[in-house]
Protein backbone atom coordinates (compact mmCIF):
# COMPACT_ATOMS: atom_id res chain seq x y z
CA MET A 1 -2.65 33.07 -44.66
CA SER A 2 -3.27 29.69 -43.11
CA LEU A 3 -5.05 26.72 -44.57
CA SER A 4 -7.79 24.88 -42.70
CA GLY A 5 -9.72 21.70 -43.43
CA THR A 6 -12.85 23.67 -44.35
CA ASP A 7 -10.92 25.39 -47.16
CA LEU A 8 -10.54 22.02 -48.89
CA GLY A 9 -14.23 21.07 -48.97
CA VAL A 10 -14.80 17.30 -49.12
CA LEU A 11 -11.04 16.75 -49.42
CA GLY A 12 -10.67 18.32 -45.97
CA LYS A 13 -12.58 15.36 -44.57
CA LEU A 14 -10.23 12.98 -46.35
CA ALA A 15 -7.21 14.90 -45.00
CA GLU A 16 -8.70 14.63 -41.49
CA ALA A 17 -9.27 10.89 -41.98
CA LEU A 18 -5.67 10.37 -43.09
CA GLY A 19 -4.37 12.44 -40.16
CA ILE A 20 -2.92 15.22 -42.34
CA PHE A 21 -5.30 17.62 -40.56
CA SER A 22 -6.30 17.43 -36.90
CA ALA A 23 -9.29 19.40 -35.56
CA GLY A 24 -9.40 21.24 -38.90
CA GLN A 25 -5.79 22.45 -38.71
CA PRO A 26 -2.67 21.08 -40.46
CA ASN A 27 -0.91 18.38 -38.44
CA GLY A 28 2.80 19.31 -38.56
CA ASP A 29 3.73 15.92 -37.09
CA TRP A 30 2.19 14.02 -40.03
CA PHE A 31 5.15 14.45 -42.39
CA ALA A 32 7.56 13.18 -39.73
CA LYS A 33 5.45 10.08 -38.93
CA PRO A 34 2.82 9.45 -41.63
CA ASP A 35 2.78 5.72 -40.83
CA VAL A 36 1.49 6.40 -37.31
CA TYR A 37 -1.53 8.33 -38.59
CA LEU A 38 -2.26 6.06 -41.55
CA LYS A 39 -2.24 2.96 -39.32
CA GLN A 40 -4.92 4.38 -37.06
CA VAL A 41 -7.45 5.60 -39.66
CA LEU A 42 -10.06 3.05 -38.56
CA ALA A 43 -8.93 2.72 -34.93
CA ASN A 44 -9.02 6.44 -34.06
CA PRO A 45 -12.66 7.57 -33.58
CA THR A 46 -12.02 11.07 -34.97
CA GLN A 47 -10.24 9.80 -38.08
CA ARG A 48 -12.86 7.07 -38.60
CA ALA A 49 -15.70 9.61 -38.36
CA ALA A 50 -13.93 11.83 -40.90
CA LEU A 51 -13.50 8.85 -43.26
CA VAL A 52 -17.20 8.00 -42.96
CA ALA A 53 -18.12 11.65 -43.61
CA PHE A 54 -15.82 11.75 -46.67
CA ILE A 55 -17.21 8.55 -48.17
CA ASP A 56 -20.75 9.62 -47.34
CA GLU A 57 -20.34 12.97 -49.11
CA ALA A 58 -18.14 11.82 -52.00
CA LEU A 59 -20.27 8.79 -52.92
CA GLY A 60 -23.66 10.04 -51.74
CA GLY A 61 -25.03 8.96 -48.40
CA GLU A 62 -28.57 7.94 -49.26
CA ASP A 63 -27.92 4.21 -48.67
CA ARG A 64 -26.01 4.59 -45.38
CA ARG A 65 -27.36 2.24 -42.71
CA THR A 66 -26.63 1.87 -39.01
CA VAL A 67 -27.31 -1.45 -37.30
CA GLY A 68 -26.57 -1.30 -33.60
CA SER A 69 -23.21 0.44 -33.34
CA THR A 70 -22.11 -0.57 -36.87
CA THR A 71 -22.41 1.84 -39.80
CA TRP A 72 -22.58 0.34 -43.30
CA LEU A 73 -21.49 2.58 -46.17
CA PRO A 74 -22.07 1.05 -49.60
CA LEU A 75 -19.10 1.55 -51.90
CA VAL A 76 -20.38 -0.49 -54.86
CA SER A 77 -23.85 -1.86 -55.57
CA LEU A 78 -24.80 -4.11 -58.50
CA SER A 79 -28.26 -5.29 -59.40
CA ASN A 80 -27.35 -8.27 -61.59
CA PRO A 81 -26.04 -10.25 -59.82
CA PRO A 82 -27.17 -8.62 -56.59
CA LEU A 83 -23.97 -7.54 -54.85
CA SER A 84 -23.04 -4.79 -52.40
CA VAL A 85 -19.56 -3.94 -51.14
CA CYS A 86 -19.67 -1.90 -47.94
CA LEU A 87 -17.23 -0.29 -45.54
């Protein structure tokens, strides 16, 4: 039996973002060089998209906004005082 990213649900997206999984399959190279994959989470388009998908699903994506080529994902929103922390 083999494990794929879809078997992990939302955590599969996090594993893809961290580089533990690649194209839905375990990345055997990750345990030898985790620093390489962790350093490129935001720089690698595939890992960045997986991180956005994870945050979107885990925190609820109703407030996600795209302005030009920038996607804003609210992590924390307060009403008093008005404050939003986004990724």
